[in-house]
Amino acid sequence: MFFEVDPGHTVVELWPGGGWYTAILAPYLKNNGQLIAAHFPADSEVGFFQKSRAAFNKRFLLQPEIYGNIYVTELAPPQKLTIAQAGEADRVLTFRNVHNWMRNRQEQAVFDEAFRVLKQGGILGVVEHRAPDSFSREKMVETGYVTESYVTQLAINAGFVPAGHSEINANPKDSRDHAHGVWSLPPTLRGGDVNRSEFLAISESDRMTLKFRKP
């Protein structure tokens, strides 16, 4: 509702991974809309990417009666950056991916591409682990937490206009100060049994939920 997704929309989901949100979006769009999954390349040299893409295909593409006909494109910036046709999408959505693109300095390129494929008036929706304003870019990459101001500036640089924020994914119990960054928390629990009960009590990360509109 916050991202104003209608059943008849064309929606691009960036790097859907295992498909947690795909399982919500695809049935919703099945009859009258179109979901485009801008996923990892099937022939990626990264083993995790290969496995994730194969599992996604097996789960979602073989059950059109449940998920409709999902169209898959490939996103691996800077080599592969075309996620849809220009002006094709009503919505572009990304859930906890900005920090990943920051690792090889491709975050602005992805935001620019989102702007290109959206229709006039279309919305970019962003959910991301939220860092304190004091975090440097290097600290963001190291911890997986990104500041709201940095994400907002990426969107503005691409041409978007800020259109609102929601606290629906906020978690005030998350201090954002953990030995293994955001990966200390569930579901990753990178530290193993060290402080496990504490991290389980915190639960998942504090997250921003931001909306930007293409004028």
C-alpha atoms as a PDB file:
ATOM      1  CA  MET A   1       0.000   0.000   0.000  1.00  0.00           C
ATOM      2  CA  PHE A   2       2.782   2.431   0.857  1.00  0.00           C
ATOM      3  CA  PHE A   3       4.442   1.920  -2.534  1.00  0.00           C
ATOM      4  CA  GLU A   4       1.007   2.283  -4.184  1.00  0.00           C
ATOM      5  CA  VAL A   5       1.281  -0.947  -6.165  1.00  0.00           C
ATOM      6  CA  ASP A   6      -1.885  -1.773  -8.098  1.00  0.00           C
ATOM      7  CA  PRO A   7      -2.743  -5.237  -9.502  1.00  0.00           C
ATOM      8  CA  GLY A   8      -2.492  -3.919 -13.059  1.00  0.00           C
ATOM      9  CA  HIS A   9       0.977  -2.433 -12.693  1.00  0.00           C
ATOM     10  CA  THR A  10       4.246  -3.449 -14.291  1.00  0.00           C
ATOM     11  CA  VAL A  11       6.642  -3.847 -11.358  1.00  0.00           C
ATOM     12  CA  VAL A  12      10.402  -4.404 -11.503  1.00  0.00           C
ATOM     13  CA  GLU A  13      11.854  -6.101  -8.432  1.00  0.00           C
ATOM     14  CA  LEU A  14      15.622  -5.605  -8.209  1.00  0.00           C
ATOM     15  CA  TRP A  15      17.729  -8.546  -7.040  1.00  0.00           C
ATOM     16  CA  PRO A  16      14.853 -10.548  -5.549  1.00  0.00           C
ATOM     17  CA  GLY A  17      17.203 -13.211  -4.149  1.00  0.00           C
ATOM     18  CA  GLY A  18      15.217 -16.106  -2.747  1.00  0.00           C
ATOM     19  CA  GLY A  19      11.958 -14.369  -3.528  1.00  0.00           C
ATOM     20  CA  TRP A  20      10.476 -13.398  -0.158  1.00  0.00           C
ATOM     21  CA  TYR A  21       8.789 -10.366  -1.727  1.00  0.00           C
ATOM     22  CA  THR A  22       8.321 -12.078  -5.081  1.00  0.00           C
ATOM     23  CA  ALA A  23       5.964 -14.515  -3.364  1.00  0.00           C
ATOM     24  CA  ILE A  24       3.810 -11.531  -2.396  1.00  0.00           C
ATOM     25  CA  LEU A  25       4.100  -9.483  -5.574  1.00  0.00           C
ATOM     26  CA  ALA A  26       3.737 -12.205  -8.200  1.00  0.00           C
ATOM     27  CA  PRO A  27       0.305 -13.553  -7.191  1.00  0.00           C
ATOM     28  CA  TYR A  28      -0.911  -9.983  -6.692  1.00  0.00           C
ATOM     29  CA  LEU A  29       0.106  -9.022 -10.248  1.00  0.00           C
ATOM     30  CA  LYS A  30      -0.623 -12.381 -11.880  1.00  0.00           C
ATOM     31  CA  ASN A  31      -3.940 -11.666 -13.602  1.00  0.00           C
ATOM     32  CA  ASN A  32      -3.679  -8.040 -14.722  1.00  0.00           C
ATOM     33  CA  GLY A  33      -0.123  -6.871 -14.192  1.00  0.00           C
ATOM     34  CA  GLN A  34       3.454  -7.937 -14.889  1.00  0.00           C
ATOM     35  CA  LEU A  35       6.324  -8.694 -12.549  1.00  0.00           C
ATOM     36  CA  ILE A  36       9.833  -8.274 -13.931  1.00  0.00           C
ATOM     37  CA  ALA A  37      12.529  -9.861 -11.763  1.00  0.00           C
ATOM     38  CA  ALA A  38      15.904  -8.203 -12.361  1.00  0.00           C
ATOM     39  CA  HIS A  39      17.910 -11.085 -10.923  1.00  0.00           C
ATOM     40  CA  PHE A  40      21.509 -12.293 -10.813  1.00  0.00           C
ATOM     41  CA  PRO A  41      22.893 -13.570 -14.137  1.00  0.00           C
ATOM     42  CA  ALA A  42      22.386 -17.297 -14.613  1.00  0.00           C
ATOM     43  CA  ASP A  43      25.993 -17.606 -15.786  1.00  0.00           C
ATOM     44  CA  SER A  44      27.493 -15.485 -12.984  1.00  0.00           C
ATOM     45  CA  GLU A  45      30.989 -16.372 -11.831  1.00  0.00           C
ATOM     46  CA  VAL A  46      29.775 -15.915  -8.252  1.00  0.00           C
ATOM     47  CA  GLY A  47      28.601 -19.256  -6.889  1.00  0.00           C
ATOM     48  CA  PHE A  48      26.030 -17.736  -4.555  1.00  0.00           C
ATOM     49  CA  PHE A  49      24.492 -15.779  -7.445  1.00  0.00           C
ATOM     50  CA  GLN A  50      24.247 -18.912  -9.582  1.00  0.00           C
ATOM     51  CA  LYS A  51      22.573 -20.928  -6.835  1.00  0.00           C
ATOM     52  CA  SER A  52      20.190 -18.134  -5.917  1.00  0.00           C
ATOM     53  CA  ARG A  53      19.104 -17.616  -9.516  1.00  0.00           C
ATOM     54  CA  ALA A  54      18.607 -21.359 -10.088  1.00  0.00           C
ATOM     55  CA  ALA A  55      16.532 -21.707  -6.929  1.00  0.00           C
ATOM     56  CA  PHE A  56      14.442 -18.684  -7.909  1.00  0.00           C
ATOM     57  CA  ASN A  57      13.771 -20.125 -11.360  1.00  0.00           C
ATOM     58  CA  LYS A  58      12.775 -23.481  -9.897  1.00  0.00           C
ATOM     59  CA  ARG A  59      10.415 -21.960  -7.347  1.00  0.00           C
ATOM     60  CA  PHE A  60       8.720 -19.255  -9.379  1.00  0.00           C
ATOM     61  CA  LEU A  61       8.994 -19.952 -13.100  1.00  0.00           C
ATOM     62  CA  LEU A  62       7.654 -23.509 -12.951  1.00  0.00           C
ATOM     63  CA  GLN A  63       4.416 -22.556 -11.198  1.00  0.00           C
ATOM     64  CA  PRO A  64       2.675 -19.978 -13.419  1.00  0.00           C
ATOM     65  CA  GLU A  65      -0.701 -21.004 -12.001  1.00  0.00           C
ATOM     66  CA  ILE A  66       0.424 -19.459  -8.692  1.00  0.00           C
ATOM     67  CA  TYR A  67       2.906 -16.782  -9.689  1.00  0.00           C
ATOM     68  CA  GLY A  68       1.889 -15.868 -13.227  1.00  0.00           C
ATOM     69  CA  ASN A  69       4.399 -15.356 -16.005  1.00  0.00           C
ATOM     70  CA  ILE A  70       7.314 -13.600 -14.331  1.00  0.00           C
ATOM     71  CA  TYR A  71       9.716 -12.040 -16.813  1.00  0.00           C
ATOM     72  CA  VAL A  72      13.354 -12.319 -15.735  1.00  0.00           C
ATOM     73  CA  THR A  73      16.071  -9.853 -16.704  1.00  0.00           C
ATOM     74  CA  GLU A  74      19.637  -9.750 -15.394  1.00  0.00           C
ATOM     75  CA  LEU A  75      21.262  -7.099 -13.235  1.00  0.00           C
ATOM     76  CA  ALA A  76      25.011  -7.234 -12.645  1.00  0.00           C
ATOM     77  CA  PRO A  77      26.363  -3.694 -12.778  1.00  0.00           C
ATOM     78  CA  PRO A  78      28.326  -2.396 -14.539  1.00  0.00           C
ATOM     79  CA  GLN A  79      28.338  -5.190 -17.151  1.00  0.00           C
ATOM     80  CA  LYS A  80      24.584  -5.877 -17.150  1.00  0.00           C
ATOM     81  CA  LEU A  81      22.380  -2.934 -16.289  1.00  0.00           C
ATOM     82  CA  THR A  82      19.298  -3.090 -18.534  1.00  0.00           C
ATOM     83  CA  ILE A  83      16.454  -4.183 -16.268  1.00  0.00           C
ATOM     84  CA  ALA A  84      13.494  -3.231 -18.497  1.00  0.00           C
ATOM     85  CA  GLN A  85      12.575  -1.010 -21.420  1.00  0.00           C
ATOM     86  CA  ALA A  86      12.602   2.754 -21.028  1.00  0.00           C
ATOM     87  CA  GLY A  87       9.346   3.988 -19.502  1.00  0.00           C
ATOM     88  CA  GLU A  88       7.977   0.457 -19.132  1.00  0.00           C
ATOM     89  CA  ALA A  89       7.564   0.216 -15.366  1.00  0.00           C
ATOM     90  CA  ASP A  90       5.008   1.682 -12.997  1.00  0.00           C
ATOM     91  CA  ARG A  91       7.079   0.688  -9.968  1.00  0.00           C
ATOM     92  CA  VAL A  92      10.679  -0.318  -9.271  1.00  0.00           C
ATOM     93  CA  LEU A  93      11.197  -1.911  -5.861  1.00  0.00           C
ATOM     94  CA  THR A  94      14.346  -2.921  -4.018  1.00  0.00           C
ATOM     95  CA  PHE A  95      14.570  -4.586  -0.636  1.00  0.00           C
ATOM     96  CA  ARG A  96      17.905  -4.444   1.236  1.00  0.00           C
ATOM     97  CA  ASN A  97      20.207  -4.248  -1.769  1.00  0.00           C
ATOM     98  CA  VAL A  98      21.741  -0.761  -1.797  1.00  0.00           C
ATOM     99  CA  HIS A  99      24.673  -1.776   0.413  1.00  0.00           C
ATOM    100  CA  ASN A 100      25.488  -4.605  -2.008  1.00  0.00           C
ATOM    101  CA  TRP A 101      25.738  -2.265  -4.985  1.00  0.00           C
ATOM    102  CA  MET A 102      27.922   0.053  -2.927  1.00  0.00           C
ATOM    103  CA  ARG A 103      30.643  -2.583  -2.719  1.00  0.00           C
ATOM    104  CA  ASN A 104      31.706  -1.948  -6.300  1.00  0.00           C
ATOM    105  CA  ARG A 105      30.427   1.634  -6.476  1.00  0.00           C
ATOM    106  CA  GLN A 106      27.448   0.842  -8.710  1.00  0.00           C
ATOM    107  CA  GLU A 107      24.667   2.206  -6.525  1.00  0.00           C
ATOM    108  CA  GLN A 108      24.205   5.392  -8.555  1.00  0.00           C
ATOM    109  CA  ALA A 109      24.144   3.458 -11.817  1.00  0.00           C
ATOM    110  CA  VAL A 110      21.309   1.267 -10.507  1.00  0.00           C
ATOM    111  CA  PHE A 111      19.284   4.268  -9.326  1.00  0.00           C
ATOM    112  CA  ASP A 112      19.821   5.923 -12.714  1.00  0.00           C
ATOM    113  CA  GLU A 113      18.579   2.781 -14.454  1.00  0.00           C
ATOM    114  CA  ALA A 114      15.504   2.679 -12.224  1.00  0.00           C
ATOM    115  CA  PHE A 115      14.714   6.233 -13.276  1.00  0.00           C
ATOM    116  CA  ARG A 116      15.120   5.332 -16.957  1.00  0.00           C
ATOM    117  CA  VAL A 117      12.698   2.403 -16.901  1.00  0.00           C
ATOM    118  CA  LEU A 118       9.971   4.112 -14.881  1.00  0.00           C
ATOM    119  CA  LYS A 119       7.047   5.902 -16.463  1.00  0.00           C
ATOM    120  CA  GLN A 120       6.458   9.546 -15.658  1.00  0.00           C
ATOM    121  CA  GLY A 121       4.860   9.554 -12.219  1.00  0.00           C
ATOM    122  CA  GLY A 122       6.257   6.104 -11.469  1.00  0.00           C
ATOM    123  CA  ILE A 123       7.595   5.212  -8.039  1.00  0.00           C
ATOM    124  CA  LEU A 124      10.904   3.833  -6.819  1.00  0.00           C
ATOM    125  CA  GLY A 125      10.439   2.044  -3.488  1.00  0.00           C
ATOM    126  CA  VAL A 126      13.485   1.372  -1.308  1.00  0.00           C
ATOM    127  CA  VAL A 127      13.823  -0.686   1.855  1.00  0.00           C
ATOM    128  CA  GLU A 128      17.332  -0.745   3.340  1.00  0.00           C
ATOM    129  CA  HIS A 129      19.147  -1.336   6.623  1.00  0.00           C
ATOM    130  CA  ARG A 130      19.330   2.110   8.253  1.00  0.00           C
ATOM    131  CA  ALA A 131      22.613   3.557   9.508  1.00  0.00           C
ATOM    132  CA  PRO A 132      23.109   6.468  11.903  1.00  0.00           C
ATOM    133  CA  ASP A 133      23.787   9.742  10.105  1.00  0.00           C
ATOM    134  CA  SER A 134      27.388   9.633  11.357  1.00  0.00           C
ATOM    135  CA  PHE A 135      28.347   6.613   9.231  1.00  0.00           C
ATOM    136  CA  SER A 136      30.854   7.235   6.443  1.00  0.00           C
ATOM    137  CA  ARG A 137      30.470   5.537   3.080  1.00  0.00           C
ATOM    138  CA  GLU A 138      33.209   3.093   4.058  1.00  0.00           C
ATOM    139  CA  LYS A 139      31.386   2.276   7.311  1.00  0.00           C
ATOM    140  CA  MET A 140      28.171   1.680   5.363  1.00  0.00           C
ATOM    141  CA  VAL A 141      29.879  -0.823   3.071  1.00  0.00           C
ATOM    142  CA  GLU A 142      31.549  -2.541   6.032  1.00  0.00           C
ATOM    143  CA  THR A 143      28.382  -2.880   8.154  1.00  0.00           C
ATOM    144  CA  GLY A 144      25.601  -3.151   5.565  1.00  0.00           C
ATOM    145  CA  TYR A 145      23.787  -0.197   7.133  1.00  0.00           C
ATOM    146  CA  VAL A 146      23.189   2.856   4.902  1.00  0.00           C
ATOM    147  CA  THR A 147      22.055   6.339   5.915  1.00  0.00           C
ATOM    148  CA  GLU A 148      18.696   7.671   4.770  1.00  0.00           C
ATOM    149  CA  SER A 149      20.411  10.827   3.554  1.00  0.00           C
ATOM    150  CA  TYR A 150      22.731   8.836   1.277  1.00  0.00           C
ATOM    151  CA  VAL A 151      19.889   6.836  -0.269  1.00  0.00           C
ATOM    152  CA  THR A 152      17.867  10.012  -0.728  1.00  0.00           C
ATOM    153  CA  GLN A 153      20.780  11.732  -2.445  1.00  0.00           C
ATOM    154  CA  LEU A 154      21.215   8.797  -4.839  1.00  0.00           C
ATOM    155  CA  ALA A 155      17.558   9.137  -5.805  1.00  0.00           C
ATOM    156  CA  ILE A 156      17.753  12.906  -6.221  1.00  0.00           C
ATOM    157  CA  ASN A 157      20.910  12.547  -8.323  1.00  0.00           C
ATOM    158  CA  ALA A 158      19.000  10.179 -10.620  1.00  0.00           C
ATOM    159  CA  GLY A 159      16.179  12.701 -11.039  1.00  0.00           C
ATOM    160  CA  PHE A 160      13.655  11.475  -8.470  1.00  0.00           C
ATOM    161  CA  VAL A 161      11.634  13.595  -6.067  1.00  0.00           C
ATOM    162  CA  PRO A 162      11.246  12.321  -2.473  1.00  0.00           C
ATOM    163  CA  ALA A 163       7.626  11.229  -1.974  1.00  0.00           C
ATOM    164  CA  GLY A 164       7.467   9.959   1.590  1.00  0.00           C
ATOM    165  CA  HIS A 165       8.831   7.559   4.157  1.00  0.00           C
ATOM    166  CA  SER A 166       7.349   4.944   6.460  1.00  0.00           C
ATOM    167  CA  GLU A 167       8.506   3.475   9.752  1.00  0.00           C
ATOM    168  CA  ILE A 168       6.780   0.144   9.079  1.00  0.00           C
ATOM    169  CA  ASN A 169      10.176  -1.643   8.986  1.00  0.00           C
ATOM    170  CA  ALA A 170      11.759   0.257  11.889  1.00  0.00           C
ATOM    171  CA  ASN A 171      13.302  -1.622  14.803  1.00  0.00           C
ATOM    172  CA  PRO A 172      14.332   0.664  17.693  1.00  0.00           C
ATOM    173  CA  LYS A 173      15.988  -2.297  19.465  1.00  0.00           C
ATOM    174  CA  ASP A 174      18.723  -2.401  16.808  1.00  0.00           C
ATOM    175  CA  SER A 175      21.739  -0.354  17.943  1.00  0.00           C
ATOM    176  CA  ARG A 176      23.398  -0.711  14.502  1.00  0.00           C
ATOM    177  CA  ASP A 177      26.657  -1.449  16.361  1.00  0.00           C
ATOM    178  CA  HIS A 178      27.523  -5.131  15.972  1.00  0.00           C
ATOM    179  CA  ALA A 179      30.769  -7.028  15.410  1.00  0.00           C
ATOM    180  CA  HIS A 180      29.616  -8.406  12.076  1.00  0.00           C
ATOM    181  CA  GLY A 181      27.464  -5.467  11.031  1.00  0.00           C
ATOM    182  CA  VAL A 182      23.904  -6.205  10.013  1.00  0.00           C
ATOM    183  CA  TRP A 183      24.887  -9.836   9.435  1.00  0.00           C
ATOM    184  CA  SER A 184      25.210 -10.297  13.207  1.00  0.00           C
ATOM    185  CA  LEU A 185      21.409 -10.258  13.369  1.00  0.00           C
ATOM    186  CA  PRO A 186      18.840 -12.798  12.187  1.00  0.00           C
ATOM    187  CA  PRO A 187      18.493 -14.378   9.759  1.00  0.00           C
ATOM    188  CA  THR A 188      22.272 -14.539   9.147  1.00  0.00           C
ATOM    189  CA  LEU A 189      23.623 -14.710  12.736  1.00  0.00           C
ATOM    190  CA  ARG A 190      27.190 -14.610  11.434  1.00  0.00           C
ATOM    191  CA  GLY A 191      28.673 -14.687  14.924  1.00  0.00           C
ATOM    192  CA  GLY A 192      27.334 -18.170  15.563  1.00  0.00           C
ATOM    193  CA  ASP A 193      26.625 -18.788  19.232  1.00  0.00           C
ATOM    194  CA  VAL A 194      28.365 -15.618  20.423  1.00  0.00           C
ATOM    195  CA  ASN A 195      25.643 -13.341  21.853  1.00  0.00           C
ATOM    196  CA  ARG A 196      23.119 -15.375  19.883  1.00  0.00           C
ATOM    197  CA  SER A 197      20.274 -14.910  22.375  1.00  0.00           C
ATOM    198  CA  GLU A 198      20.887 -11.159  22.418  1.00  0.00           C
ATOM    199  CA  PHE A 199      20.706 -10.931  18.644  1.00  0.00           C
ATOM    200  CA  LEU A 200      17.605 -13.106  18.504  1.00  0.00           C
ATOM    201  CA  ALA A 201      15.980 -10.761  21.023  1.00  0.00           C
ATOM    202  CA  ILE A 202      16.805  -7.766  18.835  1.00  0.00           C
ATOM    203  CA  SER A 203      15.455  -9.667  15.799  1.00  0.00           C
ATOM    204  CA  GLU A 204      16.038  -8.230  12.318  1.00  0.00           C
ATOM    205  CA  SER A 205      17.598  -4.882  11.460  1.00  0.00           C
ATOM    206  CA  ASP A 206      16.234  -1.370  11.733  1.00  0.00           C
ATOM    207  CA  ARG A 207      15.185  -0.418   8.199  1.00  0.00           C
ATOM    208  CA  MET A 208      14.211   2.674   6.279  1.00  0.00           C
ATOM    209  CA  THR A 209      11.277   2.510   3.876  1.00  0.00           C
ATOM    210  CA  LEU A 210      11.445   5.320   1.327  1.00  0.00           C
ATOM    211  CA  LYS A 211       9.389   6.341  -1.679  1.00  0.00           C
ATOM    212  CA  PHE A 212      10.584   8.429  -4.624  1.00  0.00           C
ATOM    213  CA  ARG A 213       8.605   9.617  -7.635  1.00  0.00           C
ATOM    214  CA  LYS A 214       9.733  10.261 -11.214  1.00  0.00           C
ATOM    215  CA  PRO A 215       8.398  13.717 -12.138  1.00  0.00           C
END
